[in-house]
Amino acid sequence: MTTPDPRVIHSEIPPLPAPQLIIFDWDGTLVQSTGHIVRCFEQAIAKEGLPALPALEIQGIIGLGLLEACQALFPRLNLHEADALANAYRAIYFTRDEALEPYEGASDLLHTLRAEGCLLAVATGKSNRGLNEALAETGFGPYFLSTRTAEQTASKPSPMMLLQLLDEFGLQPAQAWVVGDTDFDLHMAHNAGCLPIAITHGAHSTERLMNARPAHVIHDLSSLLPLYRQAIRFDLNSREIQPCRHPR
């Protein structure tokens, strides 16, 4: 018999609190872009004459803002050198000839969540240009009522992206789920007081995600909709239960 991992809070008992807003990460969560990001970094590192790094090490910084990612990969770089690496990455990334490939079920999930009344947003380490182009290319733009990038505010795991989105929607942290494939996403959610949901098909390993204590772990996007519907049903049923009144 398999012993449940105590680091994962399962949704069955009790269900997760129902969200009014779901905030998605982008790369590695909705779109299969991890490999492309790693290849762009490898080329940028070579262009700047820096020592090559293992692909898994590069993959580990996905989710941070670009400058923060460069500084994490090469802590000894000064700000000018880190900025040069970031610029080299941008130049390579925006000349890519690879089409973006959303994960299976991404479009159907977003369409259904919006149709069922859930508010959707994006919080990403991408640049404004990178996200806007990706939203246009995938056709996902109309699903999201608002977005935040690392260019607009602080990089993950700072909670600023989430706090700004919550303020924009007039919601409390407990009313939002955050779905992401890196521990930066999960730590950001914890820091903001939102509910963190890990998805394992992206940049960070399951072990690394579990160490960030997600409220729930899913392995693909198709698992999110039943989780959402379960939470909504439980919330509606709870509202229908009236407290007992003792006779006087």
Protein backbone atom coordinates (compact mmCIF):
# COMPACT_ATOMS: atom_id res chain seq x y z
CA MET A 1 0.00 0.00 0.00
CA THR A 2 1.38 3.40 -1.00
CA THR A 3 1.74 5.95 1.77
CA PRO A 4 0.50 9.43 0.75
CA ASP A 5 3.18 12.10 0.66
CA PRO A 6 2.52 14.38 3.66
CA ARG A 7 3.86 17.39 1.76
CA VAL A 8 0.89 17.37 -0.63
CA ILE A 9 -2.48 18.57 0.57
CA HIS A 10 -5.03 16.51 -1.34
CA SER A 11 -8.27 18.04 -2.49
CA GLU A 12 -10.66 15.21 -1.71
CA ILE A 13 -10.85 15.83 2.06
CA PRO A 14 -11.80 18.62 2.06
CA PRO A 15 -12.10 20.09 -1.46
CA LEU A 16 -10.04 23.14 -2.27
CA PRO A 17 -11.71 26.52 -1.66
CA ALA A 18 -13.56 27.71 -4.76
CA PRO A 19 -11.71 30.41 -6.70
CA GLN A 20 -13.17 33.43 -8.43
CA LEU A 21 -9.86 33.95 -10.24
CA ILE A 22 -7.28 31.50 -11.62
CA ILE A 23 -3.87 32.99 -12.40
CA PHE A 24 -1.74 30.95 -14.79
CA ASP A 25 1.96 30.99 -15.38
CA TRP A 26 2.78 30.88 -19.12
CA ASP A 27 5.98 29.04 -20.12
CA GLY A 28 5.90 25.38 -19.12
CA THR A 29 2.35 25.69 -17.81
CA LEU A 30 0.19 26.55 -20.82
CA VAL A 31 2.82 26.36 -23.57
CA GLN A 32 5.58 23.79 -24.23
CA SER A 33 8.38 26.34 -24.41
CA THR A 34 10.90 24.97 -21.90
CA GLY A 35 13.19 23.41 -24.52
CA HIS A 36 13.21 26.53 -26.67
CA ILE A 37 14.09 28.77 -23.71
CA VAL A 38 16.99 26.49 -22.78
CA ARG A 39 18.32 26.50 -26.37
CA CYS A 40 18.13 30.30 -26.55
CA PHE A 41 20.05 30.61 -23.28
CA GLU A 42 22.69 28.16 -24.51
CA GLN A 43 23.23 30.26 -27.64
CA ALA A 44 23.27 33.53 -25.69
CA ILE A 45 25.78 32.15 -23.18
CA ALA A 46 28.06 31.04 -26.03
CA LYS A 47 27.70 34.42 -27.77
CA GLU A 48 28.81 36.23 -24.60
CA GLY A 49 31.80 33.91 -24.18
CA LEU A 50 30.57 32.49 -20.89
CA PRO A 51 31.14 28.89 -19.78
CA ALA A 52 28.52 26.41 -20.98
CA LEU A 53 26.00 25.20 -18.41
CA PRO A 54 24.03 21.94 -18.20
CA ALA A 55 20.56 22.17 -19.70
CA LEU A 56 18.96 21.19 -16.39
CA GLU A 57 20.69 24.07 -14.63
CA ILE A 58 19.31 26.50 -17.19
CA GLN A 59 15.89 24.88 -16.93
CA GLY A 60 15.97 25.48 -13.19
CA ILE A 61 15.85 29.28 -13.55
CA ILE A 62 12.85 29.34 -15.89
CA GLY A 63 10.13 31.38 -14.25
CA LEU A 64 12.33 34.24 -13.07
CA GLY A 65 12.48 37.58 -14.83
CA LEU A 66 15.16 37.60 -17.54
CA LEU A 67 17.72 39.74 -15.71
CA GLU A 68 17.17 37.78 -12.49
CA ALA A 69 17.60 34.53 -14.44
CA CYS A 70 20.92 35.72 -15.90
CA GLN A 71 22.14 36.73 -12.45
CA ALA A 72 21.06 33.38 -11.00
CA LEU A 73 22.97 31.48 -13.68
CA PHE A 74 26.12 33.60 -13.33
CA PRO A 75 26.17 35.24 -9.87
CA ARG A 76 29.60 36.81 -10.45
CA LEU A 77 28.46 38.91 -13.40
CA ASN A 78 28.13 42.62 -12.71
CA LEU A 79 24.92 44.36 -13.72
CA HIS A 80 26.32 45.48 -17.09
CA GLU A 81 27.46 41.93 -17.94
CA ALA A 82 24.17 40.37 -16.82
CA ASP A 83 22.28 42.90 -18.91
CA ALA A 84 24.43 42.04 -21.94
CA LEU A 85 23.55 38.36 -21.53
CA ALA A 86 19.87 39.28 -21.23
CA ASN A 87 20.07 41.34 -24.43
CA ALA A 88 21.78 38.47 -26.25
CA TYR A 89 19.00 36.14 -25.14
CA ARG A 90 16.30 38.57 -26.33
CA ALA A 91 17.91 38.92 -29.75
CA ILE A 92 18.03 35.15 -30.19
CA TYR A 93 14.57 34.49 -28.75
CA PHE A 94 12.78 36.98 -30.97
CA THR A 95 14.37 35.59 -34.14
CA ARG A 96 13.10 32.07 -33.40
CA ASP A 97 11.48 30.08 -36.17
CA GLU A 98 9.77 27.58 -33.87
CA ALA A 99 6.00 27.80 -33.54
CA LEU A 100 4.61 27.91 -30.02
CA GLU A 101 2.93 24.66 -29.05
CA PRO A 102 0.29 24.86 -26.31
CA TYR A 103 -0.07 21.85 -24.07
CA GLU A 104 -2.84 19.46 -25.00
CA GLY A 105 -6.20 20.69 -23.77
CA ALA A 106 -5.04 24.23 -22.98
CA SER A 107 -7.47 25.98 -25.31
CA ASP A 108 -10.46 23.85 -24.27
CA LEU A 109 -9.65 24.38 -20.59
CA LEU A 110 -9.42 28.16 -20.88
CA HIS A 111 -12.58 28.33 -22.99
CA THR A 112 -14.56 26.22 -20.53
CA LEU A 113 -13.36 28.05 -17.43
CA ARG A 114 -14.37 31.39 -18.92
CA ALA A 115 -17.72 29.98 -20.07
CA GLU A 116 -18.38 28.79 -16.51
CA GLY A 117 -17.70 32.24 -15.10
CA CYS A 118 -14.14 31.93 -13.79
CA LEU A 119 -11.91 34.98 -14.14
CA LEU A 120 -8.52 34.25 -15.73
CA ALA A 121 -5.18 36.07 -15.67
CA VAL A 122 -1.50 35.46 -16.43
CA ALA A 123 1.53 36.14 -14.21
CA THR A 124 4.79 35.45 -16.03
CA GLY A 125 8.50 36.13 -16.02
CA LYS A 126 8.29 36.92 -19.74
CA SER A 127 8.72 40.39 -21.18
CA ASN A 128 5.70 42.44 -22.27
CA ARG A 129 6.60 41.88 -25.91
CA GLY A 130 7.17 38.17 -25.38
CA LEU A 131 3.82 37.63 -23.69
CA ASN A 132 1.86 39.81 -26.12
CA GLU A 133 3.31 37.96 -29.11
CA ALA A 134 2.64 34.60 -27.47
CA LEU A 135 -0.97 35.51 -26.66
CA ALA A 136 -1.52 36.58 -30.26
CA GLU A 137 0.18 33.51 -31.75
CA THR A 138 -1.74 31.02 -29.62
CA GLY A 139 -5.04 32.91 -29.82
CA PHE A 140 -5.32 32.77 -26.03
CA GLY A 141 -5.45 36.55 -25.54
CA PRO A 142 -9.25 36.89 -25.29
CA TYR A 143 -9.43 34.39 -22.44
CA PHE A 144 -7.40 36.55 -20.05
CA LEU A 145 -8.88 39.64 -18.47
CA SER A 146 -5.50 40.86 -17.23
CA THR A 147 -1.80 39.95 -17.24
CA ARG A 148 1.39 40.83 -15.39
CA THR A 149 4.97 40.38 -16.56
CA ALA A 150 8.30 40.70 -14.79
CA GLU A 151 8.87 43.93 -16.76
CA GLN A 152 5.83 45.53 -15.16
CA THR A 153 6.61 44.66 -11.55
CA ALA A 154 8.89 42.51 -9.39
CA SER A 155 10.05 39.08 -10.56
CA LYS A 156 8.77 35.90 -8.98
CA PRO A 157 8.81 34.77 -6.19
CA SER A 158 7.84 38.29 -5.07
CA PRO A 159 4.05 38.42 -4.61
CA MET A 160 3.74 41.78 -6.39
CA MET A 161 2.34 40.39 -9.66
CA LEU A 162 -0.42 38.59 -7.79
CA LEU A 163 -1.18 41.43 -5.39
CA GLN A 164 -1.56 43.85 -8.28
CA LEU A 165 -3.90 41.46 -10.11
CA LEU A 166 -5.97 40.89 -6.97
CA ASP A 167 -6.25 44.63 -6.43
CA GLU A 168 -7.33 45.09 -10.04
CA PHE A 169 -10.10 42.50 -9.66
CA GLY A 170 -11.08 43.63 -6.17
CA LEU A 171 -10.45 40.16 -4.71
CA GLN A 172 -8.80 38.73 -1.63
CA PRO A 173 -5.85 36.28 -1.92
CA ALA A 174 -7.97 33.35 -0.72
CA GLN A 175 -10.24 33.84 -3.74
CA ALA A 176 -7.48 33.03 -6.26
CA TRP A 177 -5.67 29.91 -7.42
CA VAL A 178 -2.19 30.13 -8.95
CA VAL A 179 -1.22 27.38 -11.42
CA GLY A 180 2.44 26.97 -12.32
CA ASP A 181 5.20 24.54 -13.24
CA THR A 182 8.01 26.03 -11.12
CA ASP A 183 8.64 26.50 -7.44
CA PHE A 184 8.93 30.24 -8.17
CA ASP A 185 5.20 30.18 -9.02
CA LEU A 186 4.34 28.28 -5.85
CA HIS A 187 6.46 30.46 -3.56
CA MET A 188 4.92 33.54 -5.18
CA ALA A 189 1.44 32.17 -4.43
CA HIS A 190 2.36 31.41 -0.81
CA ASN A 191 3.88 34.89 -0.42
CA ALA A 192 0.65 36.48 -1.66
CA GLY A 193 -1.66 34.22 0.35
CA CYS A 194 -3.15 32.58 -2.77
CA LEU A 195 -3.68 28.85 -3.25
CA PRO A 196 -0.75 27.27 -5.16
CA ILE A 197 -1.39 24.44 -7.63
CA ALA A 198 1.62 22.71 -9.17
CA ILE A 199 1.60 21.17 -12.64
CA THR A 200 4.35 18.64 -13.30
CA HIS A 201 4.70 18.75 -17.10
CA GLY A 202 6.97 21.81 -17.19
CA ALA A 203 10.39 23.09 -16.13
CA HIS A 204 10.83 21.92 -12.52
CA SER A 205 10.87 18.37 -11.22
CA THR A 206 8.01 16.96 -9.18
CA GLU A 207 10.30 16.71 -6.16
CA ARG A 208 11.25 20.37 -6.40
CA LEU A 209 7.59 21.36 -6.78
CA MET A 210 6.53 19.27 -3.79
CA ASN A 211 9.19 20.88 -1.63
CA ALA A 212 7.39 24.18 -2.26
CA ARG A 213 4.25 22.72 -0.60
CA PRO A 214 1.56 23.06 -3.27
CA ALA A 215 -2.04 22.75 -2.12
CA HIS A 216 -2.58 20.30 -4.97
CA VAL A 217 -0.51 18.67 -7.72
CA ILE A 218 -1.81 17.97 -11.22
CA HIS A 219 0.06 16.25 -14.02
CA ASP A 220 -1.74 17.80 -16.99
CA LEU A 221 -4.15 20.61 -17.74
CA SER A 222 -7.12 18.28 -18.15
CA SER A 223 -7.02 17.63 -14.40
CA LEU A 224 -7.68 21.25 -13.49
CA LEU A 225 -11.28 21.49 -14.69
CA PRO A 226 -12.67 18.68 -12.48
CA LEU A 227 -10.74 20.14 -9.55
CA TYR A 228 -12.34 23.54 -10.19
CA ARG A 229 -15.83 22.07 -10.59
CA GLN A 230 -15.47 20.05 -7.40
CA ALA A 231 -14.53 23.19 -5.48
CA ILE A 232 -17.46 25.13 -6.96
CA ARG A 233 -19.95 22.35 -6.12
CA PHE A 234 -18.67 22.12 -2.56
CA ASP A 235 -18.94 25.89 -2.17
CA LEU A 236 -22.52 25.95 -3.48
CA ASN A 237 -23.55 23.04 -1.27
CA SER A 238 -22.00 24.70 1.77
CA ARG A 239 -24.03 27.84 1.18
CA GLU A 240 -27.24 25.82 1.07
CA ILE A 241 -26.63 24.31 4.52
CA GLN A 242 -28.38 26.38 7.15
CA PRO A 243 -27.20 26.32 10.77
CA CYS A 244 -29.41 24.43 13.22
CA ARG A 245 -31.48 26.58 15.54
CA HIS A 246 -32.12 25.19 19.00
CA PRO A 247 -35.70 25.56 20.25
CA ARG A 248 -36.15 28.06 23.02
